[in-house]
Amino acid sequence: MIGERRVGQHYRKKGIIFLFLFFLISTVFSPFSSAEDATLSISMLHGEQQTRFNTPVLVSGVWHYVNITLDQNVERVTFRLYKGILIPSIAKNETNYYEWSYDQNGAPIWSDQSGYGIEYLQPGLCQKTNTVYSFCIGTKDFMPNIVGYYENWTIEISSDGTSIHSAPIVVEKPKTGISLSKPSTIIFHVDPFTIMDAVGDNFFKIGNIGNLPLFVEFDNAKYPDVEMNDMNTNFLPDDIITHYVTIHSQSWPPGFKNIDIQLIGSYPQTYFVDTNATVTLYTSFVIDVPQLVINVGHSNYKIEEIQGTGITFQYVEKLNMYEGEIKDITAYVSGNGAVTAEIWADEKNISVQTLYDNGVETHSPLSFASTNTTERIIRITVKALSEGTTGVLTYQITGSGVTNTYTTRIDIGPPQTGPKEDSGFSLSIMQLVIIGIVLLVIIYMVVTFLRNRKR
């Protein structure tokens, strides 16, 4: 019994020692003493993030935020950025190694540990928010001038002197460029002397095929009558944006207006570590967009500007009538100057019934003083004579000694068939059935009467 008691006491002592050692080890490696988990993200100054091969991208020569999130607050965070998967064994320089740190008790709090000073660190933009440590850092644009060039680097994070996380990243050479998908023109139709908005018949696309944000500038003051969506903003890498154009007409006279617009593309200077880069390497450039062609005139009317006169004539090129039909055809004249209009029909397939000048009946030729603030309305009443033919209405317009001739061609179809005359007597099927039954009954009664009479 005494031996058993001594054995129990022996094991009890060992248990106490084991628990003490376990508590000591747990205390030493407790998460309260050092961070054990970290995540990171990389973005440019306005949150632009990129990946390559599903790996975060850092563009050389450009400022980035490296955001390190820990599972607790710590006094000191350090991260290294180096080429390859191992810290360089050769001389460290700006082409292979960078190191920065946060020290809450340090002076300064955010500092460079690689010997480059603050050339690649912006302490004023670094910040700590709860357990997120945001370093605003950059690297030298040291890569060869090869399109699409990149290198594989490593980020290694340490907390209070202990390495807690490492991850691969891709460091890319800065790349610029746009893609432009566009028609040659975008056409708008606007009513004369009318304040209205008109949307173009087409659109164009601008794409950013570089790895830097692209700012596209549209000068609203220079083009006050033109509106484009998604302008004066940054296009992120790989963005392709569709642009629609709206014209705000200002009560324009009839005719054609062409607007050639140039957009300005540029790369924000504040993004570059070397602020001279935007002047020497990444200069602004012109982006040509489709020509805007504005047709100011009545819908479905041909617009003709009589060259050298300032006179505009609008008329219908083609229309259909049926034999015997009488129709009003309207033409419009505008522009400053004296105008003579002679109008006639072929009188074989169509004939002119009456002619009106601004609502007043008149005869051809007619002369008047045209203005660019109103339209002269000429209305011609014509009659279609022969089906299966094409009638021709001719306009001869003279202004400032220049005479132009225009025609409206009228395809004439057969006479319009009127509704059939009502005979005044029509029976429905039900009525016919009832009448048939009544007749059968009458016949049956007559036959029955005759049979009985013979008996």
Protein backbone atom coordinates (compact mmCIF):
# COMPACT_ATOMS: atom_id res chain seq x y z
CA MET A 1 0.00 0.00 0.00
CA ILE A 2 2.87 2.37 0.88
CA GLY A 3 4.55 1.58 -2.47
CA GLU A 4 1.39 2.26 -4.39
CA ARG A 5 0.95 5.60 -2.60
CA ARG A 6 4.53 6.64 -3.51
CA VAL A 7 3.96 5.70 -7.18
CA GLY A 8 0.77 7.81 -7.29
CA GLN A 9 2.56 10.79 -5.78
CA HIS A 10 5.35 10.38 -8.38
CA TYR A 11 2.92 10.46 -11.31
CA ARG A 12 1.03 13.35 -9.73
CA LYS A 13 4.27 15.41 -9.61
CA LYS A 14 5.02 14.57 -13.24
CA GLY A 15 1.54 15.68 -14.24
CA ILE A 16 1.94 19.01 -12.46
CA ILE A 17 5.31 19.58 -14.18
CA PHE A 18 3.79 18.71 -17.59
CA LEU A 19 0.92 21.12 -17.11
CA PHE A 20 3.34 23.85 -16.03
CA LEU A 21 5.52 23.32 -19.14
CA PHE A 22 2.41 23.28 -21.41
CA PHE A 23 1.22 26.56 -19.87
CA LEU A 24 4.66 28.10 -20.33
CA ILE A 25 4.88 27.05 -24.01
CA SER A 26 1.32 28.24 -24.67
CA THR A 27 2.16 31.60 -23.11
CA VAL A 28 5.31 32.01 -25.19
CA PHE A 29 3.56 31.15 -28.46
CA SER A 30 0.23 32.71 -27.58
CA PRO A 31 -1.37 34.98 -30.28
CA PHE A 32 -1.35 37.69 -27.65
CA SER A 33 2.39 38.01 -28.06
CA SER A 34 2.78 37.99 -31.87
CA ALA A 35 0.64 37.95 -34.99
CA GLU A 36 0.40 34.59 -36.74
CA ASP A 37 -1.85 35.44 -39.67
CA ALA A 38 -1.62 38.10 -42.39
CA THR A 39 -3.29 38.90 -45.69
CA LEU A 40 -2.23 41.46 -48.23
CA SER A 41 -3.58 43.36 -51.23
CA ILE A 42 -1.91 45.67 -53.74
CA SER A 43 -3.59 48.62 -55.43
CA MET A 44 -2.72 51.88 -57.11
CA LEU A 45 -3.54 55.26 -55.60
CA HIS A 46 -7.28 55.09 -56.28
CA GLY A 47 -7.82 51.42 -55.55
CA GLU A 48 -6.98 50.03 -59.00
CA GLN A 49 -6.05 46.37 -58.63
CA GLN A 50 -4.58 44.05 -61.26
CA THR A 51 -3.60 40.41 -61.44
CA ARG A 52 -1.50 38.30 -63.77
CA PHE A 53 -1.68 34.51 -63.61
CA ASN A 54 -4.05 35.08 -60.65
CA THR A 55 -1.17 36.82 -58.84
CA PRO A 56 -1.19 40.46 -57.64
CA VAL A 57 0.57 42.92 -59.95
CA LEU A 58 2.82 45.83 -59.00
CA VAL A 59 3.85 48.18 -61.84
CA SER A 60 7.40 49.48 -61.56
CA GLY A 61 7.81 53.23 -61.32
CA VAL A 62 4.24 53.70 -60.07
CA TRP A 63 2.97 54.39 -56.53
CA HIS A 64 0.99 51.57 -54.91
CA TYR A 65 -0.66 50.80 -51.62
CA VAL A 66 0.47 47.53 -50.06
CA ASN A 67 -2.24 46.79 -47.52
CA ILE A 68 -1.28 44.29 -44.81
CA THR A 69 -4.06 42.98 -42.58
CA LEU A 70 -3.07 41.22 -39.36
CA ASP A 71 -5.21 39.38 -36.81
CA GLN A 72 -4.14 41.76 -34.03
CA ASN A 73 -2.37 45.06 -33.34
CA VAL A 74 1.42 44.91 -33.22
CA GLU A 75 4.13 47.44 -32.53
CA ARG A 76 6.26 46.77 -35.58
CA VAL A 77 5.51 45.51 -39.12
CA THR A 78 8.14 45.08 -41.80
CA PHE A 79 7.85 43.86 -45.33
CA ARG A 80 10.46 43.01 -47.90
CA LEU A 81 10.02 43.07 -51.65
CA TYR A 82 12.65 41.16 -53.58
CA LYS A 83 13.22 39.61 -56.98
CA GLY A 84 12.78 35.84 -57.25
CA ILE A 85 11.89 33.53 -54.40
CA LEU A 86 14.99 34.07 -52.23
CA ILE A 87 16.51 37.23 -50.81
CA PRO A 88 19.31 38.26 -53.20
CA SER A 89 22.71 36.99 -52.15
CA ILE A 90 24.42 39.51 -54.42
CA ALA A 91 24.53 43.25 -53.77
CA LYS A 92 21.04 44.53 -53.04
CA ASN A 93 19.91 47.49 -55.17
CA GLU A 94 16.82 49.09 -56.68
CA THR A 95 16.54 46.33 -59.28
CA ASN A 96 16.19 43.46 -56.81
CA TYR A 97 15.42 44.50 -53.22
CA TYR A 98 13.26 46.91 -51.15
CA GLU A 99 12.31 46.95 -47.46
CA TRP A 100 9.96 49.20 -45.45
CA SER A 101 8.69 49.16 -41.87
CA TYR A 102 6.06 50.51 -39.48
CA ASP A 103 7.17 51.14 -35.88
CA GLN A 104 4.59 52.71 -33.61
CA ASN A 105 7.35 53.91 -31.27
CA GLY A 106 9.75 54.92 -34.02
CA ALA A 107 10.69 58.31 -35.35
CA PRO A 108 9.60 58.27 -38.08
CA ILE A 109 6.82 55.73 -37.76
CA TRP A 110 6.96 54.75 -41.46
CA SER A 111 10.46 54.29 -42.82
CA ASP A 112 12.65 52.80 -45.53
CA GLN A 113 15.00 50.01 -44.42
CA SER A 114 16.78 49.45 -47.74
CA GLY A 115 18.96 52.54 -47.73
CA TYR A 116 17.06 54.47 -50.44
CA GLY A 117 15.63 57.12 -48.12
CA ILE A 118 12.06 58.20 -48.84
CA GLU A 119 12.47 58.17 -52.61
CA TYR A 120 10.21 55.11 -52.84
CA LEU A 121 8.04 55.78 -49.79
CA GLN A 122 5.32 58.38 -49.16
CA PRO A 123 5.00 58.50 -45.36
CA GLY A 124 2.22 61.07 -45.57
CA LEU A 125 0.02 58.62 -47.48
CA CYS A 126 0.80 55.62 -45.28
CA GLN A 127 -1.79 54.87 -42.61
CA LYS A 128 -2.85 52.36 -39.98
CA THR A 129 -6.53 51.57 -39.55
CA ASN A 130 -7.23 49.07 -36.76
CA THR A 131 -5.16 46.04 -37.81
CA VAL A 132 -4.65 47.19 -41.42
CA TYR A 133 -1.20 48.64 -42.21
CA SER A 134 -1.17 50.52 -45.55
CA PHE A 135 2.24 51.31 -47.00
CA CYS A 136 2.35 53.77 -49.92
CA ILE A 137 5.43 52.60 -51.79
CA GLY A 138 6.92 52.44 -55.25
CA THR A 139 9.91 51.04 -57.08
CA LYS A 140 12.26 52.42 -59.68
CA ASP A 141 11.19 52.01 -63.31
CA PHE A 142 14.24 49.90 -64.00
CA MET A 143 12.89 47.30 -66.43
CA PRO A 144 14.00 47.03 -70.06
CA ASN A 145 11.86 48.74 -72.68
CA ILE A 146 10.22 45.52 -73.87
CA VAL A 147 6.49 45.36 -74.45
CA GLY A 148 4.81 43.05 -71.92
CA TYR A 149 7.98 42.57 -69.85
CA TYR A 150 7.50 41.35 -66.29
CA GLU A 151 9.39 39.64 -63.44
CA ASN A 152 8.38 37.35 -60.57
CA TRP A 153 9.04 38.83 -57.14
CA THR A 154 8.22 37.95 -53.51
CA ILE A 155 6.69 39.94 -50.66
CA GLU A 156 7.71 38.77 -47.17
CA ILE A 157 5.93 40.17 -44.09
CA SER A 158 7.37 40.22 -40.57
CA SER A 159 5.68 41.12 -37.31
CA ASP A 160 7.77 42.13 -34.31
CA GLY A 161 10.81 40.52 -35.93
CA THR A 162 9.09 37.22 -36.86
CA SER A 163 8.35 36.29 -40.47
CA ILE A 164 4.63 35.52 -40.67
CA HIS A 165 3.71 35.55 -44.35
CA SER A 166 5.17 35.55 -47.84
CA ALA A 167 3.51 35.60 -51.25
CA PRO A 168 4.53 35.80 -54.90
CA ILE A 169 3.71 38.90 -56.95
CA VAL A 170 4.30 39.99 -60.54
CA VAL A 171 6.22 43.22 -61.21
CA GLU A 172 5.42 44.64 -64.65
CA LYS A 173 6.96 47.21 -66.94
CA PRO A 174 4.62 50.23 -67.32
CA LYS A 175 2.56 49.80 -70.49
CA THR A 176 0.36 52.32 -72.29
CA GLY A 177 -2.04 52.09 -75.20
CA ILE A 178 -5.66 52.31 -76.27
CA SER A 179 -8.02 50.40 -78.51
CA LEU A 180 -10.50 52.40 -80.59
CA SER A 181 -13.55 50.93 -82.28
CA LYS A 182 -15.52 53.52 -84.24
CA PRO A 183 -17.46 54.28 -87.43
CA SER A 184 -16.26 57.07 -89.70
CA THR A 185 -19.29 59.24 -88.86
CA ILE A 186 -22.17 59.46 -86.42
CA ILE A 187 -25.31 60.99 -87.96
CA PHE A 188 -27.94 63.10 -86.19
CA HIS A 189 -31.31 64.35 -87.42
CA VAL A 190 -32.55 67.66 -86.00
CA ASP A 191 -35.72 69.59 -86.82
CA PRO A 192 -35.18 73.13 -88.17
CA PHE A 193 -35.51 76.06 -85.77
CA THR A 194 -36.18 73.67 -82.88
CA ILE A 195 -34.43 73.34 -79.51
CA MET A 196 -34.16 69.59 -78.99
CA ASP A 197 -31.85 66.72 -78.10
CA ALA A 198 -30.86 64.19 -80.75
CA VAL A 199 -29.03 60.89 -80.20
CA GLY A 200 -26.64 59.70 -82.90
CA ASP A 201 -27.24 56.66 -85.09
CA ASN A 202 -24.07 54.94 -83.85
CA PHE A 203 -21.51 54.81 -81.02
CA PHE A 204 -17.79 54.28 -80.47
CA LYS A 205 -15.64 52.41 -77.94
CA ILE A 206 -12.39 53.30 -76.18
CA GLY A 207 -10.37 50.61 -74.42
CA ASN A 208 -7.37 50.90 -72.09
CA ILE A 209 -4.95 48.14 -73.12
CA GLY A 210 -2.17 49.34 -70.82
CA ASN A 211 -1.53 48.66 -67.14
CA LEU A 212 -1.84 52.32 -66.05
CA PRO A 213 -5.03 54.31 -65.46
CA LEU A 214 -5.89 56.40 -68.55
CA PHE A 215 -7.60 59.77 -68.15
CA VAL A 216 -9.80 60.77 -71.10
CA GLU A 217 -10.62 64.46 -71.29
CA PHE A 218 -13.54 65.99 -73.19
CA ASP A 219 -13.61 69.80 -73.36
CA ASN A 220 -17.22 70.68 -72.58
CA ALA A 221 -16.55 74.41 -72.99
CA LYS A 222 -15.15 73.91 -76.48
CA TYR A 223 -18.09 71.73 -77.58
CA PRO A 224 -21.10 73.12 -75.67
CA ASP A 225 -23.68 71.49 -77.98
CA VAL A 226 -22.21 67.98 -77.62
CA GLU A 227 -22.63 65.54 -74.76
CA MET A 228 -20.72 62.25 -74.37
CA ASN A 229 -21.14 59.73 -71.58
CA ASP A 230 -18.28 58.53 -69.35
CA MET A 231 -15.82 61.31 -70.15
CA ASN A 232 -13.36 63.25 -67.94
CA THR A 233 -12.68 60.14 -65.90
CA ASN A 234 -10.06 57.44 -65.43
CA PHE A 235 -10.25 54.35 -67.61
CA LEU A 236 -8.88 51.43 -65.60
CA PRO A 237 -6.58 48.86 -67.20
CA ASP A 238 -8.58 46.49 -69.45
CA ASP A 239 -11.62 48.80 -69.39
CA ILE A 240 -13.57 49.02 -72.67
CA ILE A 241 -16.23 51.71 -72.49
CA THR A 242 -19.02 52.36 -75.01
CA HIS A 243 -19.70 56.02 -75.69
CA TYR A 244 -22.94 57.50 -76.99
CA VAL A 245 -23.23 61.06 -78.27
CA THR A 246 -26.14 63.48 -77.83
CA ILE A 247 -26.51 66.76 -79.70
CA HIS A 248 -28.28 69.70 -78.05
CA SER A 249 -29.61 71.73 -80.99
CA GLN A 250 -29.99 75.51 -80.57
CA SER A 251 -32.80 76.33 -83.04
CA TRP A 252 -30.55 75.90 -86.07
CA PRO A 253 -31.59 76.76 -89.66
CA PRO A 254 -31.82 73.94 -92.23
CA GLY A 255 -28.59 72.54 -93.61
CA PHE A 256 -25.64 70.42 -92.55
CA LYS A 257 -23.32 70.86 -89.58
CA ASN A 258 -20.13 68.84 -89.17
CA ILE A 259 -18.29 68.71 -85.84
CA ASP A 260 -14.79 67.23 -85.50
CA ILE A 261 -13.96 66.40 -81.90
CA GLN A 262 -10.62 65.52 -80.39
CA LEU A 263 -10.37 63.89 -76.98
CA ILE A 264 -7.16 64.11 -74.95
CA GLY A 265 -5.72 61.00 -73.33
CA SER A 266 -3.20 61.27 -70.50
CA TYR A 267 -1.73 59.38 -67.55
CA PRO A 268 -2.08 61.04 -64.09
CA GLN A 269 1.27 62.54 -63.07
CA THR A 270 0.69 61.85 -59.38
CA TYR A 271 0.81 58.09 -60.04
CA PHE A 272 4.47 58.13 -61.06
CA VAL A 273 7.38 57.82 -58.65
CA ASP A 274 9.43 59.95 -61.06
CA THR A 275 7.21 62.99 -61.62
CA ASN A 276 9.10 63.81 -64.83
CA ALA A 277 7.89 60.57 -66.36
CA THR A 278 4.65 62.08 -67.65
CA VAL A 279 6.68 64.74 -69.45
CA THR A 280 9.39 62.51 -70.91
CA LEU A 281 7.76 59.10 -71.33
CA TYR A 282 4.00 59.29 -70.86
CA THR A 283 2.93 62.45 -72.64
CA SER A 284 -0.70 63.30 -73.43
CA PHE A 285 -2.07 62.39 -76.86
CA VAL A 286 -5.07 63.01 -79.11
CA ILE A 287 -7.89 60.49 -79.49
CA ASP A 288 -9.86 61.02 -82.71
CA VAL A 289 -13.55 60.17 -82.52
CA PRO A 290 -16.03 59.83 -85.41
CA GLN A 291 -17.06 62.98 -87.22
CA LEU A 292 -20.46 64.21 -86.05
CA VAL A 293 -22.73 64.93 -89.03
CA ILE A 294 -25.89 66.86 -88.13
CA ASN A 295 -28.71 66.96 -90.68
CA VAL A 296 -30.95 69.90 -89.83
CA GLY A 297 -34.16 69.39 -91.77
CA HIS A 298 -37.59 67.83 -91.95
CA SER A 299 -37.89 64.08 -91.50
CA ASN A 300 -37.70 62.10 -94.77
CA TYR A 301 -36.81 65.23 -96.76
CA LYS A 302 -33.83 65.65 -99.03
CA ILE A 303 -31.69 68.63 -97.92
CA GLU A 304 -29.89 70.53 -100.67
CA GLU A 305 -27.56 73.45 -100.04
CA ILE A 306 -27.24 75.53 -103.21
CA GLN A 307 -23.50 76.10 -103.30
CA GLY A 308 -22.33 79.68 -103.04
CA THR A 309 -25.80 81.10 -102.34
CA GLY A 310 -26.56 80.34 -98.69
CA ILE A 311 -29.94 78.99 -99.85
CA THR A 312 -31.22 75.60 -98.65
CA PHE A 313 -33.99 73.70 -100.40
CA GLN A 314 -35.84 70.71 -98.90
CA TYR A 315 -38.11 68.41 -100.86
CA VAL A 316 -39.41 64.85 -101.03
CA GLU A 317 -37.52 62.69 -103.52
CA LYS A 318 -40.04 59.86 -103.93
CA LEU A 319 -43.61 59.05 -102.97
CA ASN A 320 -46.54 56.85 -104.02
CA MET A 321 -50.03 57.79 -105.21
CA TYR A 322 -52.92 55.95 -106.80
CA GLU A 323 -54.66 56.92 -110.01
CA GLY A 324 -57.11 59.72 -109.40
CA GLU A 325 -55.64 60.66 -106.02
CA ILE A 326 -55.10 64.31 -105.16
CA LYS A 327 -52.29 65.06 -102.69
CA ASP A 328 -50.46 68.07 -101.25
CA ILE A 329 -46.67 68.01 -101.64
CA THR A 330 -44.65 70.47 -99.53
CA ALA A 331 -41.18 71.93 -100.13
CA TYR A 332 -39.19 74.37 -97.99
CA VAL A 333 -36.77 77.21 -98.81
CA SER A 334 -34.53 79.01 -96.30
CA GLY A 335 -31.39 81.14 -96.22
CA ASN A 336 -30.74 84.80 -96.89
CA GLY A 337 -31.29 86.04 -100.43
CA ALA A 338 -33.69 86.55 -103.31
CA VAL A 339 -35.13 83.30 -104.66
CA THR A 340 -37.11 82.40 -107.78
CA ALA A 341 -38.89 79.04 -107.85
CA GLU A 342 -40.38 77.60 -111.01
CA ILE A 343 -42.43 74.44 -110.50
CA TRP A 344 -44.17 72.25 -113.06
CA ALA A 345 -45.50 68.72 -113.58
CA ASP A 346 -45.13 66.48 -116.60
CA GLU A 347 -48.93 66.89 -117.17
CA LYS A 348 -49.00 63.40 -118.66
CA ASN A 349 -48.88 61.26 -115.55
CA ILE A 350 -49.50 63.98 -112.96
CA SER A 351 -50.90 67.49 -113.10
CA VAL A 352 -50.57 70.53 -110.84
CA GLN A 353 -53.96 71.57 -109.45
CA THR A 354 -52.94 74.53 -107.26
CA LEU A 355 -49.78 76.18 -105.95
CA TYR A 356 -49.41 77.97 -102.59
CA ASP A 357 -46.64 80.28 -101.36
CA ASN A 358 -46.73 80.52 -97.55
CA GLY A 359 -50.41 79.62 -97.64
CA VAL A 360 -51.36 82.07 -100.42
CA GLU A 361 -52.48 80.61 -103.75
CA THR A 362 -50.23 81.70 -106.58
CA HIS A 363 -48.78 80.61 -109.93
CA SER A 364 -45.35 79.51 -111.10
CA PRO A 365 -42.82 81.05 -111.23
CA LEU A 366 -42.81 82.65 -107.79
CA SER A 367 -40.24 85.07 -106.41
CA PHE A 368 -39.60 86.04 -102.80
CA ALA A 369 -36.94 87.18 -100.34
CA SER A 370 -35.78 84.20 -98.27
CA THR A 371 -34.33 84.49 -94.74
CA ASN A 372 -32.27 82.26 -92.48
CA THR A 373 -34.60 82.72 -89.52
CA THR A 374 -37.73 81.16 -91.05
CA GLU A 375 -38.72 78.68 -93.73
CA ARG A 376 -40.67 79.55 -96.89
CA ILE A 377 -43.35 76.91 -97.32
CA ILE A 378 -44.29 75.96 -100.88
CA ARG A 379 -47.29 73.64 -101.19
CA ILE A 380 -48.20 71.99 -104.49
CA THR A 381 -51.48 70.13 -104.96
CA VAL A 382 -51.08 67.43 -107.61
CA LYS A 383 -53.34 64.81 -109.16
CA ALA A 384 -52.20 61.37 -110.30
CA LEU A 385 -53.46 60.66 -113.83
CA SER A 386 -52.29 57.26 -115.12
CA GLU A 387 -51.65 54.05 -113.20
CA GLY A 388 -48.50 52.07 -113.83
CA THR A 389 -46.49 55.20 -114.62
CA THR A 390 -44.10 57.53 -112.82
CA GLY A 391 -45.03 61.18 -112.58
CA VAL A 392 -42.35 63.84 -112.27
CA LEU A 393 -42.72 67.10 -110.37
CA THR A 394 -39.86 69.50 -111.17
CA TYR A 395 -38.48 72.38 -109.10
CA GLN A 396 -36.09 74.93 -110.60
CA ILE A 397 -34.62 77.03 -107.78
CA THR A 398 -32.55 80.12 -108.54
CA GLY A 399 -30.60 82.17 -105.98
CA SER A 400 -27.71 84.62 -106.45
CA GLY A 401 -27.57 83.76 -110.12
CA VAL A 402 -27.20 80.00 -109.47
CA THR A 403 -29.94 77.69 -110.76
CA ASN A 404 -30.41 74.10 -109.59
CA THR A 405 -33.09 71.65 -110.65
CA TYR A 406 -34.64 68.98 -108.42
CA THR A 407 -37.44 66.45 -108.97
CA THR A 408 -39.99 64.49 -106.98
CA ARG A 409 -40.77 61.13 -108.62
CA ILE A 410 -44.24 59.74 -107.98
CA ASP A 411 -45.05 56.07 -108.60
CA ILE A 412 -48.73 55.77 -109.55
CA GLY A 413 -50.68 52.66 -108.67
CA PRO A 414 -54.16 51.49 -109.74
CA PRO A 415 -57.25 53.39 -108.65
CA GLN A 416 -58.20 52.84 -105.07
CA THR A 417 -61.04 50.33 -104.79
CA GLY A 418 -63.94 51.77 -102.81
CA PRO A 419 -66.15 49.73 -100.46
CA LYS A 420 -68.83 47.58 -102.17
CA GLU A 421 -72.31 49.10 -102.28
CA ASP A 422 -74.85 47.70 -99.85
CA SER A 423 -77.69 45.91 -101.73
CA GLY A 424 -79.94 46.60 -98.80
CA PHE A 425 -80.75 42.92 -98.39
CA SER A 426 -78.51 40.41 -96.74
CA LEU A 427 -79.27 37.31 -94.76
CA SER A 428 -77.23 35.56 -92.16
CA ILE A 429 -76.73 31.79 -92.14
CA MET A 430 -79.03 31.41 -89.15
CA GLN A 431 -81.75 33.32 -90.96
CA LEU A 432 -81.37 31.07 -94.02
CA VAL A 433 -81.61 27.95 -91.82
CA ILE A 434 -84.81 29.21 -90.17
CA ILE A 435 -86.34 30.05 -93.56
CA GLY A 436 -85.45 26.54 -94.80
CA ILE A 437 -87.10 24.92 -91.80
CA VAL A 438 -90.24 27.04 -92.25
CA LEU A 439 -90.46 26.06 -95.93
CA LEU A 440 -90.07 22.38 -95.06
CA VAL A 441 -92.83 22.66 -92.48
CA ILE A 442 -95.11 24.40 -94.99
CA ILE A 443 -94.41 21.74 -97.64
CA TYR A 444 -95.09 18.98 -95.12
CA MET A 445 -98.39 20.55 -94.13
CA VAL A 446 -99.47 20.97 -97.77
CA VAL A 447 -98.58 17.39 -98.65
CA THR A 448 -100.38 16.09 -95.58
CA PHE A 449 -103.47 18.15 -96.42
CA LEU A 450 -103.58 16.84 -99.99
CA ARG A 451 -103.25 13.20 -98.83
CA ASN A 452 -106.09 13.56 -96.35
CA ARG A 453 -108.28 15.22 -98.99
CA LYS A 454 -107.86 12.28 -101.35
CA ARG A 455 -109.08 9.93 -98.67
